[in-house]
Protein backbone atom coordinates (compact mmCIF):
# COMPACT_ATOMS: atom_id res chain seq x y z
CA MET A 1 82.64 -12.77 65.57
CA GLN A 2 82.51 -12.53 61.83
CA GLY A 3 79.19 -11.24 60.52
CA THR A 4 78.28 -9.20 63.57
CA ARG A 5 78.20 -5.50 63.07
CA LEU A 6 78.91 -3.01 65.76
CA LYS A 7 76.43 -0.19 65.99
CA PRO A 8 78.03 3.23 65.75
CA PRO A 9 77.45 5.47 68.73
CA ASN A 10 74.14 7.26 68.48
CA ILE A 11 75.54 10.73 69.05
CA SER A 12 73.48 12.54 66.42
CA ALA A 13 70.11 11.18 67.56
CA MET A 14 67.92 13.85 69.05
CA THR A 15 65.75 13.05 72.04
CA ILE A 16 62.09 13.99 72.11
CA ARG A 17 62.84 16.54 74.79
CA THR A 18 65.31 18.35 72.52
CA ARG A 19 62.94 18.17 69.55
CA LYS A 20 60.15 19.68 71.65
CA LEU A 21 62.39 22.54 72.76
CA ILE A 22 63.50 23.32 69.20
CA GLY A 23 59.95 22.85 67.88
CA THR A 24 58.49 25.18 70.50
CA VAL A 25 60.95 27.91 69.56
CA ALA A 26 60.23 27.32 65.87
CA LEU A 27 56.47 27.56 66.48
CA LEU A 28 56.87 30.78 68.42
CA VAL A 29 58.97 32.28 65.62
CA LEU A 30 56.42 31.08 63.05
CA VAL A 31 53.48 32.65 64.89
CA VAL A 32 55.27 35.97 65.45
CA VAL A 33 56.43 36.23 61.82
CA TRP A 34 53.02 35.10 60.53
CA SER A 35 51.16 37.69 62.60
CA LEU A 36 53.54 40.51 61.65
CA LEU A 37 53.15 39.65 57.96
CA GLY A 38 49.39 39.43 58.39
CA MET A 39 49.23 42.85 60.02
CA THR A 40 51.40 44.33 57.30
CA ILE A 41 49.30 42.88 54.49
CA ALA A 42 46.04 43.87 56.23
CA GLN A 43 47.07 47.53 56.10
CA THR A 44 47.48 47.63 52.32
CA PRO A 45 45.00 50.02 50.69
CA TRP A 46 43.46 47.47 48.31
CA LEU A 47 42.58 45.22 51.24
CA ALA A 48 41.66 47.91 53.76
CA ASN A 49 39.01 49.36 51.40
CA SER A 50 37.05 46.14 50.84
CA GLY A 51 35.04 44.44 53.57
CA LEU A 52 34.65 41.20 51.59
CA LEU A 53 38.38 40.94 50.88
CA GLN A 54 39.13 41.66 54.54
CA SER A 55 36.84 38.85 55.65
CA ILE A 56 38.44 36.38 53.27
CA PHE A 57 41.93 37.53 54.22
CA TYR A 58 41.36 37.21 57.97
CA VAL A 59 39.95 33.70 57.61
CA VAL A 60 42.88 32.61 55.44
CA ALA A 61 45.47 34.37 57.60
CA GLY A 62 43.91 33.09 60.80
CA LEU A 63 43.93 29.46 59.71
CA GLY A 64 46.90 29.58 57.35
CA TRP A 65 49.61 29.25 60.00
CA VAL A 66 48.37 25.73 60.76
CA LEU A 67 49.75 24.32 57.49
CA PRO A 68 53.40 25.21 58.17
CA ALA A 69 52.97 24.28 61.85
CA MET A 70 51.76 20.73 61.17
CA PRO A 71 55.14 19.32 60.03
CA ILE A 72 56.86 20.97 62.99
CA ILE A 73 54.39 19.43 65.45
CA SER A 74 54.61 15.97 63.87
CA TRP A 75 58.42 16.17 63.99
CA MET A 76 58.28 17.22 67.63
CA SER A 77 56.06 14.33 68.66
CA ARG A 78 58.07 11.62 66.87
CA PRO A 79 59.15 8.97 69.38
CA ASP A 80 62.79 8.43 70.24
CA ALA A 81 64.58 5.96 68.00
């Protein structure tokens, strides 16, 4: 029996189902916080007075949430170990 190693119990491993639940909640929080920040910034006078800046801001704010969401989604879809 010398040389064989016993594997410790895999208590801390998270199943894909648990990761998807946590990831879904994290994505919902991200989208809500992102949209509230976007609405707050969109109401600032320097942005509200310029049509060009508004256009640029809405494109960046509309697509910008994808960057922080990508690591969450890839973590969620990782297969079970």
